[in-house]
């Protein structure tokens, strides 16, 4: 439980510092949308994300209609996976597919968010 709390606090800190002012993509909304996925991506919840996680990932997709929004979402996810060592990269990378979402970038440490 201590590891989950640490991961949650790190997640919130990353969300606070990654975004750029003036973007329509909201880091606060992203926090709410992706937080239910934390237990899945750190390996505490089996092989399937929760319904709340799936709904959050789908909401994230719909909240990134512009290229600038998608770049911000990509940078956020890249920062999370790079900073939270508890996250299992294979779980994070499979999250979009498991939620039935197609985004222009994978969730991984090496993604180029400007493409």
N, C-alpha and C. Protein backbone atom coordinates (compact mmCIF):
# COMPACT_ATOMS: atom_id res chain seq x y z
N UNK A 1 0.82 -1.19 0.00
CA UNK A 1 0.00 0.00 0.00
C UNK A 1 0.87 1.26 0.00
N UNK A 2 2.01 1.18 0.68
CA UNK A 2 2.92 2.31 0.73
C UNK A 2 3.42 2.66 -0.67
N UNK A 3 3.72 1.65 -1.50
CA UNK A 3 4.17 1.87 -2.86
C UNK A 3 3.10 2.54 -3.70
N UNK A 4 1.84 2.16 -3.51
CA UNK A 4 0.75 2.77 -4.26
C UNK A 4 0.62 4.24 -3.89
N UNK A 5 0.73 4.56 -2.61
CA UNK A 5 0.65 5.95 -2.17
C UNK A 5 1.80 6.77 -2.75
N UNK A 6 3.00 6.21 -2.73
CA UNK A 6 4.15 6.90 -3.31
C UNK A 6 3.96 7.12 -4.80
N UNK A 7 3.47 6.12 -5.50
CA UNK A 7 3.21 6.26 -6.94
C UNK A 7 2.16 7.32 -7.20
N UNK A 8 1.12 7.34 -6.39
CA UNK A 8 0.05 8.34 -6.55
C UNK A 8 0.59 9.75 -6.34
N UNK A 9 1.37 9.95 -5.31
CA UNK A 9 1.92 11.29 -5.03
C UNK A 9 2.89 11.73 -6.13
N UNK A 10 3.69 10.80 -6.62
CA UNK A 10 4.60 11.12 -7.72
C UNK A 10 3.81 11.48 -8.97
N UNK A 11 2.76 10.73 -9.25
CA UNK A 11 1.88 10.98 -10.38
C UNK A 11 1.33 12.41 -10.31
N UNK A 12 0.83 12.79 -9.15
CA UNK A 12 0.28 14.15 -8.98
C UNK A 12 1.35 15.22 -9.19
N UNK A 13 2.55 14.98 -8.70
CA UNK A 13 3.63 15.96 -8.87
C UNK A 13 3.97 16.12 -10.35
N UNK A 14 4.02 15.04 -11.08
CA UNK A 14 4.31 15.10 -12.51
C UNK A 14 3.22 15.88 -13.23
N UNK A 15 1.98 15.59 -12.92
CA UNK A 15 0.87 16.29 -13.56
C UNK A 15 0.95 17.79 -13.32
N UNK A 16 1.41 18.16 -12.15
CA UNK A 16 1.49 19.58 -11.80
C UNK A 16 2.54 20.32 -12.62
N UNK A 17 3.63 19.67 -12.98
CA UNK A 17 4.75 20.37 -13.61
C UNK A 17 4.90 20.17 -15.12
N UNK A 18 4.17 19.25 -15.73
CA UNK A 18 4.41 18.92 -17.13
C UNK A 18 3.72 19.87 -18.10
N UNK A 19 2.56 20.34 -17.81
CA UNK A 19 1.76 21.09 -18.78
C UNK A 19 2.26 22.48 -19.08
N UNK A 20 1.77 23.00 -20.20
CA UNK A 20 2.09 24.35 -20.58
C UNK A 20 0.85 25.20 -20.45
N UNK A 21 0.97 26.42 -19.89
CA UNK A 21 -0.19 27.29 -19.78
C UNK A 21 -0.76 27.61 -21.15
N UNK A 22 -2.06 27.76 -21.22
CA UNK A 22 -2.69 28.16 -22.46
C UNK A 22 -3.16 27.01 -23.33
N UNK A 23 -2.79 25.80 -23.02
CA UNK A 23 -3.24 24.65 -23.79
C UNK A 23 -4.67 24.32 -23.37
N UNK A 24 -5.46 23.82 -24.32
CA UNK A 24 -6.82 23.43 -23.97
C UNK A 24 -6.84 22.09 -23.24
N UNK A 25 -5.80 21.31 -23.39
CA UNK A 25 -5.67 20.05 -22.67
C UNK A 25 -5.50 20.37 -21.19
N UNK A 26 -6.30 19.77 -20.34
CA UNK A 26 -6.28 20.06 -18.91
C UNK A 26 -5.58 18.96 -18.13
N UNK A 27 -4.51 19.34 -17.45
CA UNK A 27 -3.81 18.37 -16.61
C UNK A 27 -4.67 17.91 -15.45
N UNK A 28 -5.50 18.79 -14.93
CA UNK A 28 -6.41 18.40 -13.85
C UNK A 28 -7.37 17.31 -14.33
N UNK A 29 -7.90 17.50 -15.54
CA UNK A 29 -8.80 16.49 -16.09
C UNK A 29 -8.06 15.18 -16.33
N UNK A 30 -6.83 15.30 -16.84
CA UNK A 30 -6.03 14.09 -17.09
C UNK A 30 -5.79 13.32 -15.80
N UNK A 31 -5.56 14.04 -14.71
CA UNK A 31 -5.37 13.38 -13.42
C UNK A 31 -6.58 12.55 -13.07
N UNK A 32 -7.74 13.16 -13.17
CA UNK A 32 -8.98 12.46 -12.82
C UNK A 32 -9.23 11.29 -13.76
N UNK A 33 -8.90 11.47 -15.03
CA UNK A 33 -9.17 10.43 -16.02
C UNK A 33 -8.24 9.23 -15.87
N UNK A 34 -6.98 9.48 -15.55
CA UNK A 34 -6.00 8.39 -15.54
C UNK A 34 -5.74 7.77 -14.18
N UNK A 35 -6.11 8.44 -13.13
CA UNK A 35 -5.85 7.92 -11.79
C UNK A 35 -6.38 6.51 -11.57
N UNK A 36 -7.58 6.16 -12.07
CA UNK A 36 -8.05 4.78 -11.87
C UNK A 36 -7.17 3.73 -12.55
N UNK A 37 -6.27 4.14 -13.45
CA UNK A 37 -5.40 3.20 -14.16
C UNK A 37 -4.13 2.88 -13.38
N UNK A 38 -3.86 3.62 -12.33
CA UNK A 38 -2.60 3.46 -11.62
C UNK A 38 -2.40 2.04 -11.09
N UNK A 39 -3.42 1.46 -10.50
CA UNK A 39 -3.26 0.10 -9.95
C UNK A 39 -3.02 -0.92 -11.06
N UNK A 40 -3.59 -0.69 -12.24
CA UNK A 40 -3.36 -1.60 -13.36
C UNK A 40 -1.92 -1.49 -13.86
N UNK A 41 -1.44 -0.28 -14.09
CA UNK A 41 -0.11 -0.12 -14.71
C UNK A 41 1.04 -0.45 -13.76
N UNK A 42 0.77 -0.50 -12.45
CA UNK A 42 1.83 -0.94 -11.54
C UNK A 42 1.69 -2.43 -11.20
N UNK A 43 0.69 -3.08 -11.81
CA UNK A 43 0.56 -4.52 -11.70
C UNK A 43 -0.23 -5.04 -10.53
N UNK A 44 -1.08 -4.21 -9.94
CA UNK A 44 -1.87 -4.67 -8.80
C UNK A 44 -3.25 -5.21 -9.18
N UNK A 45 -3.68 -5.01 -10.40
CA UNK A 45 -5.04 -5.38 -10.77
C UNK A 45 -5.12 -6.30 -11.98
N UNK A 46 -4.44 -7.39 -11.95
CA UNK A 46 -4.59 -8.41 -12.99
C UNK A 46 -4.23 -7.99 -14.40
N UNK A 47 -4.89 -8.64 -15.35
CA UNK A 47 -4.58 -8.44 -16.77
C UNK A 47 -5.56 -7.52 -17.49
N UNK A 48 -6.44 -6.90 -16.75
CA UNK A 48 -7.48 -6.09 -17.38
C UNK A 48 -7.69 -4.81 -16.57
N UNK A 49 -7.67 -3.63 -17.25
CA UNK A 49 -7.93 -2.39 -16.52
C UNK A 49 -9.39 -2.33 -16.06
N UNK A 50 -9.63 -1.61 -14.99
CA UNK A 50 -10.99 -1.46 -14.47
C UNK A 50 -11.86 -0.65 -15.43
N UNK A 51 -13.16 -0.74 -15.25
CA UNK A 51 -14.08 0.05 -16.07
C UNK A 51 -13.83 1.54 -15.91
N UNK A 52 -13.50 1.97 -14.70
CA UNK A 52 -13.19 3.39 -14.47
C UNK A 52 -11.95 3.80 -15.25
N UNK A 53 -10.97 2.94 -15.29
CA UNK A 53 -9.75 3.21 -16.05
C UNK A 53 -10.07 3.31 -17.53
N UNK A 54 -10.82 2.34 -18.05
CA UNK A 54 -11.19 2.35 -19.47
C UNK A 54 -11.93 3.63 -19.82
N UNK A 55 -12.89 3.99 -18.99
CA UNK A 55 -13.64 5.23 -19.23
C UNK A 55 -12.73 6.45 -19.17
N UNK A 56 -11.76 6.44 -18.25
CA UNK A 56 -10.82 7.55 -18.14
C UNK A 56 -9.92 7.68 -19.35
N UNK A 57 -9.44 6.57 -19.86
CA UNK A 57 -8.58 6.58 -21.06
C UNK A 57 -9.39 7.07 -22.26
N UNK A 58 -10.62 6.63 -22.36
CA UNK A 58 -11.48 7.09 -23.46
C UNK A 58 -11.77 8.59 -23.33
N UNK A 59 -11.96 9.06 -22.10
CA UNK A 59 -12.17 10.50 -21.89
C UNK A 59 -10.92 11.29 -22.24
N UNK A 60 -9.76 10.74 -21.91
CA UNK A 60 -8.50 11.39 -22.27
C UNK A 60 -8.40 11.53 -23.78
N UNK A 61 -8.73 10.46 -24.49
CA UNK A 61 -8.68 10.51 -25.95
C UNK A 61 -9.60 11.61 -26.49
N UNK A 62 -10.80 11.69 -25.96
CA UNK A 62 -11.73 12.70 -26.48
C UNK A 62 -11.36 14.12 -26.06
N UNK A 63 -10.52 14.24 -25.02
CA UNK A 63 -10.11 15.58 -24.56
C UNK A 63 -8.85 16.07 -25.27
N UNK A 64 -8.40 15.32 -26.28
CA UNK A 64 -7.19 15.71 -27.02
C UNK A 64 -7.49 15.81 -28.51
N UNK A 65 -8.38 16.71 -28.92
CA UNK A 65 -8.77 16.78 -30.33
C UNK A 65 -7.72 17.42 -31.24
N UNK A 66 -6.86 18.26 -30.69
CA UNK A 66 -5.89 18.96 -31.53
C UNK A 66 -4.51 18.32 -31.41
N UNK A 67 -3.66 18.63 -32.36
CA UNK A 67 -2.28 18.13 -32.32
C UNK A 67 -1.57 18.63 -31.07
N UNK A 68 -1.78 19.88 -30.71
CA UNK A 68 -1.15 20.44 -29.50
C UNK A 68 -1.62 19.69 -28.25
N UNK A 69 -2.89 19.37 -28.18
CA UNK A 69 -3.42 18.62 -27.04
C UNK A 69 -2.80 17.23 -26.97
N UNK A 70 -2.68 16.58 -28.12
CA UNK A 70 -2.09 15.23 -28.15
C UNK A 70 -0.61 15.28 -27.75
N UNK A 71 0.09 16.34 -28.15
CA UNK A 71 1.49 16.49 -27.74
C UNK A 71 1.59 16.62 -26.22
N UNK A 72 0.69 17.39 -25.63
CA UNK A 72 0.68 17.56 -24.17
C UNK A 72 0.36 16.25 -23.46
N UNK A 73 -0.62 15.53 -23.97
CA UNK A 73 -0.97 14.23 -23.37
C UNK A 73 0.20 13.26 -23.48
N UNK A 74 0.86 13.26 -24.63
CA UNK A 74 2.02 12.39 -24.84
C UNK A 74 3.13 12.73 -23.85
N UNK A 75 3.43 14.03 -23.70
CA UNK A 75 4.49 14.44 -22.77
C UNK A 75 4.14 14.04 -21.34
N UNK A 76 2.89 14.18 -20.97
CA UNK A 76 2.44 13.79 -19.64
C UNK A 76 2.65 12.30 -19.41
N UNK A 77 2.19 11.48 -20.33
CA UNK A 77 2.31 10.03 -20.18
C UNK A 77 3.77 9.58 -20.21
N UNK A 78 4.56 10.20 -21.06
CA UNK A 78 5.99 9.87 -21.13
C UNK A 78 6.67 10.21 -19.81
N UNK A 79 6.35 11.37 -19.24
CA UNK A 79 6.94 11.77 -17.96
C UNK A 79 6.54 10.80 -16.85
N UNK A 80 5.29 10.38 -16.87
CA UNK A 80 4.82 9.44 -15.84
C UNK A 80 5.56 8.12 -15.91
N UNK A 81 5.63 7.55 -17.11
CA UNK A 81 6.25 6.23 -17.23
C UNK A 81 7.75 6.30 -16.99
N UNK A 82 8.36 7.45 -17.30
CA UNK A 82 9.79 7.61 -17.07
C UNK A 82 10.12 7.82 -15.60
N UNK A 83 9.21 8.46 -14.87
CA UNK A 83 9.49 8.83 -13.48
C UNK A 83 8.99 7.83 -12.44
N UNK A 84 7.93 7.14 -12.76
CA UNK A 84 7.36 6.19 -11.80
C UNK A 84 7.91 4.80 -12.09
N UNK A 85 8.91 4.43 -11.35
CA UNK A 85 9.59 3.15 -11.61
C UNK A 85 8.72 1.95 -11.25
N UNK A 86 7.62 2.18 -10.55
CA UNK A 86 6.70 1.08 -10.24
C UNK A 86 5.85 0.69 -11.45
N UNK A 87 5.75 1.59 -12.43
CA UNK A 87 4.94 1.31 -13.61
C UNK A 87 5.62 0.24 -14.46
N UNK A 88 4.86 -0.74 -14.81
CA UNK A 88 5.34 -1.80 -15.70
C UNK A 88 5.08 -1.32 -17.14
N UNK A 89 6.17 -1.11 -17.88
CA UNK A 89 6.05 -0.51 -19.21
C UNK A 89 5.17 -1.34 -20.14
N UNK A 90 5.21 -2.66 -20.03
CA UNK A 90 4.37 -3.48 -20.90
C UNK A 90 2.89 -3.26 -20.60
N UNK A 91 2.55 -3.08 -19.33
CA UNK A 91 1.15 -2.80 -18.96
C UNK A 91 0.73 -1.43 -19.46
N UNK A 92 1.59 -0.44 -19.28
CA UNK A 92 1.28 0.92 -19.73
C UNK A 92 1.13 0.94 -21.25
N UNK A 93 2.01 0.25 -21.94
CA UNK A 93 1.99 0.24 -23.40
C UNK A 93 0.74 -0.46 -23.94
N UNK A 94 0.21 -1.43 -23.20
CA UNK A 94 -0.98 -2.15 -23.65
C UNK A 94 -2.28 -1.46 -23.24
N UNK A 95 -2.18 -0.43 -22.43
CA UNK A 95 -3.36 0.21 -21.87
C UNK A 95 -4.31 0.75 -22.94
N UNK A 96 -3.79 1.44 -23.94
CA UNK A 96 -4.64 2.01 -24.98
C UNK A 96 -5.42 0.91 -25.71
N UNK A 97 -4.72 -0.14 -26.08
CA UNK A 97 -5.37 -1.24 -26.79
C UNK A 97 -6.43 -1.90 -25.91
N UNK A 98 -6.09 -2.14 -24.65
CA UNK A 98 -7.04 -2.81 -23.75
C UNK A 98 -8.27 -1.95 -23.49
N UNK A 99 -8.13 -0.64 -23.68
CA UNK A 99 -9.26 0.28 -23.48
C UNK A 99 -9.98 0.57 -24.80
N UNK A 100 -9.51 -0.02 -25.90
CA UNK A 100 -10.15 0.19 -27.19
C UNK A 100 -9.92 1.58 -27.74
N UNK A 101 -8.76 2.16 -27.43
CA UNK A 101 -8.45 3.52 -27.83
C UNK A 101 -7.25 3.52 -28.76
N UNK A 102 -7.33 4.33 -29.80
CA UNK A 102 -6.20 4.50 -30.71
C UNK A 102 -5.73 5.95 -30.61
N UNK A 103 -4.52 6.13 -30.17
CA UNK A 103 -3.95 7.48 -30.12
C UNK A 103 -2.73 7.49 -31.04
N UNK A 104 -2.26 8.67 -31.34
CA UNK A 104 -1.18 8.83 -32.31
C UNK A 104 0.19 8.49 -31.73
N UNK A 105 0.23 8.00 -30.51
CA UNK A 105 1.51 7.70 -29.87
C UNK A 105 1.34 6.53 -28.90
N UNK A 106 2.40 5.76 -28.70
CA UNK A 106 2.36 4.70 -27.69
C UNK A 106 2.68 5.28 -26.32
N UNK A 107 2.38 4.55 -25.29
CA UNK A 107 2.77 4.96 -23.94
C UNK A 107 4.08 4.25 -23.62
N UNK A 108 5.18 4.97 -23.79
CA UNK A 108 6.49 4.40 -23.52
C UNK A 108 7.49 5.51 -23.25
N UNK A 109 8.63 5.15 -22.70
CA UNK A 109 9.67 6.11 -22.33
C UNK A 109 10.34 6.75 -23.53
N UNK A 110 10.39 6.06 -24.65
CA UNK A 110 11.18 6.52 -25.79
C UNK A 110 10.37 7.22 -26.87
N UNK A 111 9.10 7.47 -26.65
CA UNK A 111 8.26 8.08 -27.67
C UNK A 111 8.70 9.52 -27.95
N UNK A 112 8.64 9.92 -29.21
CA UNK A 112 8.91 11.29 -29.61
C UNK A 112 7.56 12.00 -29.69
N UNK A 113 7.27 12.83 -28.73
CA UNK A 113 5.95 13.45 -28.62
C UNK A 113 5.71 14.56 -29.64
N UNK A 114 6.69 14.93 -30.40
CA UNK A 114 6.51 15.98 -31.39
C UNK A 114 6.09 15.44 -32.75
N UNK A 115 5.99 14.15 -32.89
CA UNK A 115 5.57 13.57 -34.18
C UNK A 115 4.09 13.48 -34.25
